[in-house]
PDB file of all heavy atoms in Angstrom:
ATOM      1  N   PHE A   1     261.693   4.012 -69.125  1.00  0.00           N
ATOM      2  CA  PHE A   1     261.170   4.884 -68.066  1.00  0.00           C
ATOM      3  C   PHE A   1     262.240   5.855 -67.585  1.00  0.00           C
ATOM      4  O   PHE A   1     261.994   7.049 -67.429  1.00  0.00           O
ATOM      5  CB  PHE A   1     260.655   4.048 -66.890  1.00  0.00           C
ATOM      6  CG  PHE A   1     260.206   4.876 -65.723  1.00  0.00           C
ATOM      7  CD1 PHE A   1     259.022   5.605 -65.772  1.00  0.00           C
ATOM      8  CD2 PHE A   1     260.977   4.951 -64.566  1.00  0.00           C
ATOM      9  CE1 PHE A   1     258.609   6.388 -64.696  1.00  0.00           C
ATOM     10  CE2 PHE A   1     260.581   5.730 -63.489  1.00  0.00           C
ATOM     11  CZ  PHE A   1     259.388   6.451 -63.556  1.00  0.00           C
ATOM     12  N   GLU A   2     263.438   5.341 -67.383  1.00  0.00           N
ATOM     13  CA  GLU A   2     264.544   6.183 -66.925  1.00  0.00           C
ATOM     14  C   GLU A   2     264.844   7.274 -67.958  1.00  0.00           C
ATOM     15  O   GLU A   2     265.087   8.429 -67.601  1.00  0.00           O
ATOM     16  CB  GLU A   2     265.784   5.313 -66.694  1.00  0.00           C
ATOM     17  CG  GLU A   2     266.962   6.086 -66.138  1.00  0.00           C
ATOM     18  CD  GLU A   2     268.171   5.191 -65.888  1.00  0.00           C
ATOM     19  OE1 GLU A   2     268.010   3.962 -65.775  1.00  0.00           O
ATOM     20  OE2 GLU A   2     269.283   5.738 -65.822  1.00  0.00           O
ATOM     21  N   THR A   3     264.800   6.899 -69.227  1.00  0.00           N
ATOM     22  CA  THR A   3     265.065   7.860 -70.303  1.00  0.00           C
ATOM     23  C   THR A   3     264.009   8.957 -70.334  1.00  0.00           C
ATOM     24  O   THR A   3     264.310  10.148 -70.391  1.00  0.00           O
ATOM     25  CB  THR A   3     265.117   7.147 -71.661  1.00  0.00           C
ATOM     26  OG1 THR A   3     266.181   6.185 -71.647  1.00  0.00           O
ATOM     27  CG2 THR A   3     265.345   8.125 -72.800  1.00  0.00           C
ATOM     28  N   THR A   4     262.734   8.550 -70.295  1.00  0.00           N
ATOM     29  CA  THR A   4     261.648   9.539 -70.390  1.00  0.00           C
ATOM     30  C   THR A   4     261.518  10.377 -69.120  1.00  0.00           C
ATOM     31  O   THR A   4     260.899  11.437 -69.132  1.00  0.00           O
ATOM     32  CB  THR A   4     260.296   8.852 -70.678  1.00  0.00           C
ATOM     33  OG1 THR A   4     260.006   7.897 -69.637  1.00  0.00           O
ATOM     34  CG2 THR A   4     260.315   8.138 -72.018  1.00  0.00           C
ATOM     35  N   ASN A   5     262.092   9.905 -68.024  1.00  0.00           N
ATOM     36  CA  ASN A   5     262.011  10.639 -66.762  1.00  0.00           C
ATOM     37  C   ASN A   5     263.114  11.685 -66.645  1.00  0.00           C
ATOM     38  O   ASN A   5     263.136  12.467 -65.702  1.00  0.00           O
ATOM     39  CB  ASN A   5     262.084   9.666 -65.584  1.00  0.00           C
ATOM     40  CG  ASN A   5     261.314  10.171 -64.376  1.00  0.00           C
ATOM     41  OD1 ASN A   5     260.278  10.816 -64.525  1.00  0.00           O
ATOM     42  ND2 ASN A   5     261.808   9.892 -63.188  1.00  0.00           N
ATOM     43  N   ASP A   6     264.027  11.666 -67.615  1.00  0.00           N
ATOM     44  CA  ASP A   6     265.111  12.642 -67.670  1.00  0.00           C
ATOM     45  C   ASP A   6     264.618  13.816 -68.525  1.00  0.00           C
ATOM     46  O   ASP A   6     264.339  13.644 -69.711  1.00  0.00           O
ATOM     47  CB  ASP A   6     266.339  11.970 -68.300  1.00  0.00           C
ATOM     48  CG  ASP A   6     267.535  12.896 -68.392  1.00  0.00           C
ATOM     49  OD1 ASP A   6     267.414  13.959 -69.047  1.00  0.00           O
ATOM     50  OD2 ASP A   6     268.596  12.548 -67.860  1.00  0.00           O
ATOM     51  N   VAL A   7     264.493  15.009 -67.931  1.00  0.00           N
ATOM     52  CA  VAL A   7     263.877  16.153 -68.628  1.00  0.00           C
ATOM     53  C   VAL A   7     264.551  16.466 -69.963  1.00  0.00           C
ATOM     54  O   VAL A   7     263.877  16.557 -71.001  1.00  0.00           O
ATOM     55  CB  VAL A   7     263.836  17.409 -67.724  1.00  0.00           C
ATOM     56  CG1 VAL A   7     263.311  18.605 -68.504  1.00  0.00           C
ATOM     57  CG2 VAL A   7     262.941  17.154 -66.517  1.00  0.00           C
ATOM     58  N   PRO A   8     265.885  16.640 -70.020  1.00  0.00           N
ATOM     59  CA  PRO A   8     266.512  16.948 -71.311  1.00  0.00           C
ATOM     60  C   PRO A   8     266.293  15.850 -72.355  1.00  0.00           C
ATOM     61  O   PRO A   8     266.041  16.134 -73.530  1.00  0.00           O
ATOM     62  CB  PRO A   8     267.994  17.088 -70.963  1.00  0.00           C
ATOM     63  CG  PRO A   8     268.017  17.435 -69.509  1.00  0.00           C
ATOM     64  CD  PRO A   8     266.869  16.670 -68.920  1.00  0.00           C
ATOM     65  N   LYS A   9     266.376  14.585 -71.922  1.00  0.00           N
ATOM     66  CA  LYS A   9     266.166  13.482 -72.863  1.00  0.00           C
ATOM     67  C   LYS A   9     264.725  13.467 -73.353  1.00  0.00           C
ATOM     68  O   LYS A   9     264.451  13.232 -74.540  1.00  0.00           O
ATOM     69  CB  LYS A   9     266.520  12.138 -72.206  1.00  0.00           C
ATOM     70  CG  LYS A   9     268.008  11.935 -72.017  1.00  0.00           C
ATOM     71  CD  LYS A   9     268.303  10.562 -71.428  1.00  0.00           C
ATOM     72  CE  LYS A   9     269.802  10.344 -71.256  1.00  0.00           C
ATOM     73  NZ  LYS A   9     270.110   9.017 -70.665  1.00  0.00           N
ATOM     74  N   CYS A  10     263.786  13.694 -72.437  1.00  0.00           N
ATOM     75  CA  CYS A  10     262.371  13.685 -72.806  1.00  0.00           C
ATOM     76  C   CYS A  10     262.074  14.789 -73.824  1.00  0.00           C
ATOM     77  O   CYS A  10     261.313  14.590 -74.780  1.00  0.00           O
ATOM     78  CB  CYS A  10     261.501  13.869 -71.566  1.00  0.00           C
ATOM     79  SG  CYS A  10     259.764  13.460 -71.832  1.00  0.00           S
ATOM     80  N   MET A  11     262.699  15.954 -73.649  1.00  0.00           N
ATOM     81  CA  MET A  11     262.519  17.049 -74.610  1.00  0.00           C
ATOM     82  C   MET A  11     263.010  16.642 -75.990  1.00  0.00           C
ATOM     83  O   MET A  11     262.369  16.939 -77.011  1.00  0.00           O
ATOM     84  CB  MET A  11     263.274  18.295 -74.129  1.00  0.00           C
ATOM     85  CG  MET A  11     262.653  18.968 -72.916  1.00  0.00           C
ATOM     86  SD  MET A  11     263.688  20.319 -72.279  1.00  0.00           S
ATOM     87  CE  MET A  11     263.635  21.464 -73.650  1.00  0.00           C
ATOM     88  N   ARG A  12     264.121  15.933 -76.041  1.00  0.00           N
ATOM     89  CA  ARG A  12     264.672  15.503 -77.323  1.00  0.00           C
ATOM     90  C   ARG A  12     263.803  14.427 -77.967  1.00  0.00           C
ATOM     91  O   ARG A  12     263.641  14.401 -79.196  1.00  0.00           O
ATOM     92  CB  ARG A  12     266.108  15.004 -77.135  1.00  0.00           C
ATOM     93  CG  ARG A  12     267.087  16.131 -76.835  1.00  0.00           C
ATOM     94  CD  ARG A  12     268.454  15.597 -76.428  1.00  0.00           C
ATOM     95  NE  ARG A  12     269.438  16.660 -76.286  1.00  0.00           N
ATOM     96  CZ  ARG A  12     269.591  17.405 -75.201  1.00  0.00           C
ATOM     97  NH1 ARG A  12     268.799  17.207 -74.147  1.00  0.00           N
ATOM     98  NH2 ARG A  12     270.511  18.346 -75.152  1.00  0.00           N
ATOM     99  N   ILE A  13     263.248  13.542 -77.152  1.00  0.00           N
ATOM    100  CA  ILE A  13     262.344  12.512 -77.672  1.00  0.00           C
ATOM    101  C   ILE A  13     261.149  13.171 -78.357  1.00  0.00           C
ATOM    102  O   ILE A  13     260.758  12.798 -79.472  1.00  0.00           O
ATOM    103  CB  ILE A  13     261.863  11.582 -76.534  1.00  0.00           C
ATOM    104  CG1 ILE A  13     263.018  10.700 -76.053  1.00  0.00           C
ATOM    105  CG2 ILE A  13     260.688  10.704 -77.001  1.00  0.00           C
ATOM    106  CD1 ILE A  13     262.726   9.992 -74.738  1.00  0.00           C
ATOM    107  N   ILE A  14     260.564  14.156 -77.694  1.00  0.00           N
ATOM    108  CA  ILE A  14     259.397  14.852 -78.255  1.00  0.00           C
ATOM    109  C   ILE A  14     259.776  15.583 -79.541  1.00  0.00           C
ATOM    110  O   ILE A  14     259.061  15.519 -80.546  1.00  0.00           O
ATOM    111  CB  ILE A  14     258.808  15.821 -77.211  1.00  0.00           C
ATOM    112  CG1 ILE A  14     258.194  15.027 -76.052  1.00  0.00           C
ATOM    113  CG2 ILE A  14     257.753  16.725 -77.846  1.00  0.00           C
ATOM    114  CD1 ILE A  14     257.787  15.858 -74.856  1.00  0.00           C
ATOM    115  N   GLN A  15     260.922  16.255 -79.526  1.00  0.00           N
ATOM    116  CA  GLN A  15     261.385  16.965 -80.721  1.00  0.00           C
ATOM    117  C   GLN A  15     261.595  16.005 -81.889  1.00  0.00           C
ATOM    118  O   GLN A  15     261.216  16.291 -83.020  1.00  0.00           O
ATOM    119  CB  GLN A  15     262.700  17.693 -80.431  1.00  0.00           C
ATOM    120  CG  GLN A  15     262.538  18.964 -79.630  1.00  0.00           C
ATOM    121  CD  GLN A  15     261.901  20.082 -80.443  1.00  0.00           C
ATOM    122  OE1 GLN A  15     260.691  20.304 -80.360  1.00  0.00           O
ATOM    123  NE2 GLN A  15     262.700  20.760 -81.236  1.00  0.00           N
ATOM    124  N   MET A  16     262.229  14.856 -81.603  1.00  0.00           N
ATOM    125  CA  MET A  16     262.519  13.891 -82.658  1.00  0.00           C
ATOM    126  C   MET A  16     261.234  13.273 -83.201  1.00  0.00           C
ATOM    127  O   MET A  16     261.086  13.079 -84.417  1.00  0.00           O
ATOM    128  CB  MET A  16     263.457  12.797 -82.129  1.00  0.00           C
ATOM    129  CG  MET A  16     264.044  11.925 -83.223  1.00  0.00           C
ATOM    130  SD  MET A  16     265.146  12.812 -84.367  1.00  0.00           S
ATOM    131  CE  MET A  16     266.609  13.007 -83.333  1.00  0.00           C
ATOM    132  N   ALA A  17     260.291  12.963 -82.305  1.00  0.00           N
ATOM    133  CA  ALA A  17     259.013  12.379 -82.742  1.00  0.00           C
ATOM    134  C   ALA A  17     258.248  13.369 -83.624  1.00  0.00           C
ATOM    135  O   ALA A  17     257.678  12.987 -84.657  1.00  0.00           O
ATOM    136  CB  ALA A  17     258.175  11.989 -81.522  1.00  0.00           C
ATOM    137  N   LYS A  18     258.265  14.643 -83.248  1.00  0.00           N
ATOM    138  CA  LYS A  18     257.588  15.660 -84.051  1.00  0.00           C
ATOM    139  C   LYS A  18     258.272  15.812 -85.409  1.00  0.00           C
ATOM    140  O   LYS A  18     257.608  15.986 -86.440  1.00  0.00           O
ATOM    141  CB  LYS A  18     257.584  17.002 -83.313  1.00  0.00           C
ATOM    142  CG  LYS A  18     256.611  17.057 -82.136  1.00  0.00           C
ATOM    143  CD  LYS A  18     256.651  18.427 -81.473  1.00  0.00           C
ATOM    144  CE  LYS A  18     255.629  18.525 -80.345  1.00  0.00           C
ATOM    145  NZ  LYS A  18     255.684  19.845 -79.669  1.00  0.00           N
ATOM    146  N   SER A  19     259.604  15.749 -85.415  1.00  0.00           N
ATOM    147  CA  SER A  19     260.356  15.857 -86.660  1.00  0.00           C
ATOM    148  C   SER A  19     259.998  14.718 -87.609  1.00  0.00           C
ATOM    149  O   SER A  19     259.813  14.924 -88.813  1.00  0.00           O
ATOM    150  CB  SER A  19     261.863  15.847 -86.365  1.00  0.00           C
ATOM    151  OG  SER A  19     262.615  15.805 -87.553  1.00  0.00           O
ATOM    152  N   ALA A  20     259.863  13.509 -87.055  1.00  0.00           N
ATOM    153  CA  ALA A  20     259.514  12.354 -87.877  1.00  0.00           C
ATOM    154  C   ALA A  20     258.118  12.499 -88.473  1.00  0.00           C
ATOM    155  O   ALA A  20     257.878  12.166 -89.642  1.00  0.00           O
ATOM    156  CB  ALA A  20     259.602  11.073 -87.044  1.00  0.00           C
ATOM    157  N   GLN A  21     257.194  13.017 -87.683  1.00  0.00           N
ATOM    158  CA  GLN A  21     255.830  13.181 -88.174  1.00  0.00           C
ATOM    159  C   GLN A  21     255.733  14.269 -89.240  1.00  0.00           C
ATOM    160  O   GLN A  21     254.958  14.164 -90.181  1.00  0.00           O
ATOM    161  CB  GLN A  21     254.885  13.469 -87.004  1.00  0.00           C
ATOM    162  CG  GLN A  21     254.687  12.263 -86.094  1.00  0.00           C
ATOM    163  CD  GLN A  21     253.807  12.554 -84.888  1.00  0.00           C
ATOM    164  OE1 GLN A  21     253.705  13.693 -84.443  1.00  0.00           O
ATOM    165  NE2 GLN A  21     253.186  11.527 -84.352  1.00  0.00           N
ATOM    166  N   ARG A  22     256.555  15.317 -89.093  1.00  0.00           N
ATOM    167  CA  ARG A  22     256.555  16.403 -90.085  1.00  0.00           C
ATOM    168  C   ARG A  22     257.225  15.979 -91.391  1.00  0.00           C
ATOM    169  O   ARG A  22     256.881  16.468 -92.456  1.00  0.00           O
ATOM    170  CB  ARG A  22     257.313  17.623 -89.532  1.00  0.00           C
ATOM    171  CG  ARG A  22     256.564  18.440 -88.509  1.00  0.00           C
ATOM    172  CD  ARG A  22     257.241  19.791 -88.304  1.00  0.00           C
ATOM    173  NE  ARG A  22     258.648  19.659 -87.952  1.00  0.00           N
ATOM    174  CZ  ARG A  22     259.109  19.640 -86.709  1.00  0.00           C
ATOM    175  NH1 ARG A  22     258.268  19.739 -85.691  1.00  0.00           N
ATOM    176  NH2 ARG A  22     260.401  19.532 -86.462  1.00  0.00           N
ATOM    177  N   ASN A  23     258.195  15.078 -91.280  1.00  0.00           N
ATOM    178  CA  ASN A  23     259.035  14.742 -92.424  1.00  0.00           C
ATOM    179  C   ASN A  23     258.415  13.602 -93.227  1.00  0.00           C
ATOM    180  O   ASN A  23     258.846  12.451 -93.145  1.00  0.00           O
ATOM    181  CB  ASN A  23     260.440  14.364 -91.932  1.00  0.00           C
ATOM    182  CG  ASN A  23     261.478  14.456 -93.022  1.00  0.00           C
ATOM    183  OD1 ASN A  23     261.362  13.789 -94.031  1.00  0.00           O
ATOM    184  ND2 ASN A  23     262.483  15.285 -92.811  1.00  0.00           N
ATOM    185  N   ASN A  24     257.402  13.926 -94.019  1.00  0.00           N
ATOM    186  CA  ASN A  24     256.704  12.913 -94.815  1.00  0.00           C
ATOM    187  C   ASN A  24     257.385  12.783 -96.174  1.00  0.00           C
ATOM    188  O   ASN A  24     257.601  13.774 -96.877  1.00  0.00           O
ATOM    189  CB  ASN A  24     255.236  13.310 -94.979  1.00  0.00           C
ATOM    190  CG  ASN A  24     254.411  12.193 -95.584  1.00  0.00           C
ATOM    191  OD1 ASN A  24     254.573  11.852 -96.754  1.00  0.00           O
ATOM    192  ND2 ASN A  24     253.514  11.614 -94.787  1.00  0.00           N
ATOM    193  N   LEU A  25     257.717  11.551 -96.553  1.00  0.00           N
ATOM    194  CA  LEU A  25     258.519  11.306 -97.750  1.00  0.00           C
ATOM    195  C   LEU A  25     257.702  10.791 -98.937  1.00  0.00           C
ATOM    196  O   LEU A  25     258.279  10.365 -99.935  1.00  0.00           O
ATOM    197  CB  LEU A  25     259.621  10.286 -97.417  1.00  0.00           C
ATOM    198  CG  LEU A  25     260.570  10.665 -96.278  1.00  0.00           C
ATOM    199  CD1 LEU A  25     261.522   9.516 -95.988  1.00  0.00           C
ATOM    200  CD2 LEU A  25     261.341  11.933 -96.598  1.00  0.00           C
ATOM    201  N   ALA A  26     256.380  10.866 -98.845  1.00  0.00           N
ATOM    202  CA  ALA A  26     255.517  10.275 -99.875  1.00  0.00           C
ATOM    203  C   ALA A  26     255.853  10.749-101.288  1.00  0.00           C
ATOM    204  O   ALA A  26     255.816   9.965-102.247  1.00  0.00           O
ATOM    205  CB  ALA A  26     254.046  10.566 -99.565  1.00  0.00           C
ATOM    206  N   ASP A  27     256.195  12.021-101.438  1.00  0.00           N
ATOM    207  CA  ASP A  27     256.449  12.579-102.771  1.00  0.00           C
ATOM    208  C   ASP A  27     257.852  12.304-103.284  1.00  0.00           C
ATOM    209  O   ASP A  27     258.173  12.657-104.424  1.00  0.00           O
ATOM    210  CB  ASP A  27     256.207  14.098-102.757  1.00  0.00           C
ATOM    211  CG  ASP A  27     254.749  14.444-102.510  1.00  0.00           C
ATOM    212  OD1 ASP A  27     253.877  13.607-102.820  1.00  0.00           O
ATOM    213  OD2 ASP A  27     254.483  15.557-102.001  1.00  0.00           O
ATOM    214  N   GLU A  28     258.697  11.679-102.463  1.00  0.00           N
ATOM    215  CA  GLU A  28     260.089  11.471-102.858  1.00  0.00           C
ATOM    216  C   GLU A  28     260.483  10.008-103.013  1.00  0.00           C
ATOM    217  O   GLU A  28     261.519   9.702-103.608  1.00  0.00           O
ATOM    218  CB  GLU A  28     261.010  12.129-101.829  1.00  0.00           C
ATOM    219  CG  GLU A  28     260.800  13.637-101.685  1.00  0.00           C
ATOM    220  CD  GLU A  28     261.739  14.242-100.655  1.00  0.00           C
ATOM    221  OE1 GLU A  28     262.950  14.264-100.919  1.00  0.00           O
ATOM    222  OE2 GLU A  28     261.259  14.651 -99.582  1.00  0.00           O
ATOM    223  N   LEU A  29     259.660   9.099-102.493  1.00  0.00           N
ATOM    224  CA  LEU A  29     260.060   7.690-102.469  1.00  0.00           C
ATOM    225  C   LEU A  29     260.229   7.089-103.855  1.00  0.00           C
ATOM    226  O   LEU A  29     260.968   6.110-104.033  1.00  0.00           O
ATOM    227  CB  LEU A  29     259.040   6.867-101.664  1.00  0.00           C
ATOM    228  CG  LEU A  29     258.970   7.186-100.158  1.00  0.00           C
ATOM    229  CD1 LEU A  29     257.904   6.335 -99.497  1.00  0.00           C
ATOM    230  CD2 LEU A  29     260.321   6.971 -99.482  1.00  0.00           C
ATOM    231  N   HIS A  30     259.564   7.671-104.867  1.00  0.00           N
ATOM    232  CA  HIS A  30     259.683   7.132-106.234  1.00  0.00           C
ATOM    233  C   HIS A  30     261.105   7.254-106.772  1.00  0.00           C
ATOM    234  O   HIS A  30     261.468   6.579-107.744  1.00  0.00           O
ATOM    235  CB  HIS A  30     258.719   7.868-107.177  1.00  0.00           C
ATOM    236  CG  HIS A  30     259.098   9.296-107.428  1.00  0.00           C
ATOM    237  ND1 HIS A  30     258.775  10.312-106.549  1.00  0.00           N
ATOM    238  CD2 HIS A  30     259.802   9.871-108.439  1.00  0.00           C
ATOM    239  CE1 HIS A  30     259.249  11.458-107.018  1.00  0.00           C
ATOM    240  NE2 HIS A  30     259.877  11.218-108.164  1.00  0.00           N
ATOM    241  N   LYS A  31     261.914   8.094-106.143  1.00  0.00           N
ATOM    242  CA  LYS A  31     263.292   8.285-106.597  1.00  0.00           C
ATOM    243  C   LYS A  31     264.198   7.097-106.248  1.00  0.00           C
ATOM    244  O   LYS A  31     265.260   6.923-106.847  1.00  0.00           O
ATOM    245  CB  LYS A  31     263.878   9.561-105.969  1.00  0.00           C
ATOM    246  CG  LYS A  31     263.132  10.838-106.331  1.00  0.00           C
ATOM    247  CD  LYS A  31     263.696  12.011-105.551  1.00  0.00           C
ATOM    248  CE  LYS A  31     262.900  13.293-105.792  1.00  0.00           C
ATOM    249  NZ  LYS A  31     263.398  14.412-104.951  1.00  0.00           N
ATOM    250  N   ILE A  32     263.773   6.308-105.268  1.00  0.00           N
ATOM    251  CA  ILE A  32     264.611   5.189-104.802  1.00  0.00           C
ATOM    252  C   ILE A  32     264.533   4.029-105.785  1.00  0.00           C
ATOM    253  O   ILE A  32     263.442   3.557-106.121  1.00  0.00           O
ATOM    254  CB  ILE A  32     264.162   4.724-103.399  1.00  0.00           C
ATOM    255  CG1 ILE A  32     264.341   5.858-102.386  1.00  0.00           C
ATOM    256  CG2 ILE A  32     264.945   3.482-102.958  1.00  0.00           C
ATOM    257  CD1 ILE A  32     263.774   5.565-101.014  1.00  0.00           C
ATOM    258  N   GLU A  33     265.694   3.578-106.249  1.00  0.00           N
ATOM    259  CA  GLU A  33     265.737   2.455-107.180  1.00  0.00           C
ATOM    260  C   GLU A  33     266.483   1.257-106.613  1.00  0.00           C
ATOM    261  O   GLU A  33     266.516   0.203-107.234  1.00  0.00           O
ATOM    262  CB  GLU A  33     266.372   2.907-108.503  1.00  0.00           C
ATOM    263  CG  GLU A  33     265.556   3.996-109.206  1.00  0.00           C
ATOM    264  CD  GLU A  33     266.077   4.333-110.588  1.00  0.00           C
ATOM    265  OE1 GLU A  33     267.160   3.802-110.952  1.00  0.00           O
ATOM    266  OE2 GLU A  33     265.422   5.110-111.301  1.00  0.00           O
ATOM    267  N   ASN A  34     267.076   1.416-105.439  1.00  0.00           N
ATOM    268  CA  ASN A  34     267.795   0.310-104.805  1.00  0.00           C
ATOM    269  C   ASN A  34     266.828  -0.809-104.428  1.00  0.00           C
ATOM    270  O   ASN A  34     265.687  -0.554-104.057  1.00  0.00           O
ATOM    271  CB  ASN A  34     268.506   0.807-103.549  1.00  0.00           C
ATOM    272  CG  ASN A  34     269.370   2.032-103.801  1.00  0.00           C
ATOM    273  OD1 ASN A  34     268.845   3.091-104.127  1.00  0.00           O
ATOM    274  ND2 ASN A  34     270.675   1.914-103.641  1.00  0.00           N
ATOM    275  N   GLU A  35     267.296  -2.055-104.515  1.00  0.00           N
ATOM    276  CA  GLU A  35     266.487  -3.190-104.070  1.00  0.00           C
ATOM    277  C   GLU A  35     266.134  -2.997-102.598  1.00  0.00           C
ATOM    278  O   GLU A  35     267.008  -2.727-101.771  1.00  0.00           O
ATOM    279  CB  GLU A  35     267.260  -4.502-104.245  1.00  0.00           C
ATOM    280  CG  GLU A  35     267.430  -4.937-105.685  1.00  0.00           C
ATOM    281  CD  GLU A  35     266.170  -5.578-106.251  1.00  0.00           C
ATOM    282  OE1 GLU A  35     265.204  -5.767-105.485  1.00  0.00           O
ATOM    283  OE2 GLU A  35     266.167  -5.897-107.452  1.00  0.00           O
ATOM    284  N   THR A  36     264.845  -3.127-102.302  1.00  0.00           N
ATOM    285  CA  THR A  36     264.371  -2.839-100.943  1.00  0.00           C
ATOM    286  C   THR A  36     263.480  -3.961-100.436  1.00  0.00           C
ATOM    287  O   THR A  36     262.605  -4.445-101.146  1.00  0.00           O
ATOM    288  CB  THR A  36     263.578  -1.511-100.923  1.00  0.00           C
ATOM    289  OG1 THR A  36     264.434  -0.440-101.358  1.00  0.00           O
ATOM    290  CG2 THR A  36     263.062  -1.199 -99.530  1.00  0.00           C
ATOM    291  N   LEU A  37     263.707  -4.369 -99.192  1.00  0.00           N
ATOM    292  CA  LEU A  37     262.858  -5.344 -98.515  1.00  0.00           C
ATOM    293  C   LEU A  37     262.113  -4.644 -97.384  1.00  0.00           C
ATOM    294  O   LEU A  37     262.710  -3.933 -96.573  1.00  0.00           O
ATOM    295  CB  LEU A  37     263.704  -6.485 -97.945  1.00  0.00           C
ATOM    296  CG  LEU A  37     262.959  -7.500 -97.068  1.00  0.00           C
ATOM    297  CD1 LEU A  37     261.905  -8.262 -97.880  1.00  0.00           C
ATOM    298  CD2 LEU A  37     263.946  -8.488 -96.431  1.00  0.00           C
TER     299      LEU A  37
END
C-alpha cells in the first residue's frame, strides 16, 4: 500500500507491468536449451 501510494513508484509499477505484458516471448522460448524447472 505504501509503495502504490507513492506517485513516482506507482508510475513505475504501471510502466513495468505494461512492459511485461508487451514483452511476449512465445516465439523465442524454443531457443532455450538449459535444464528448466
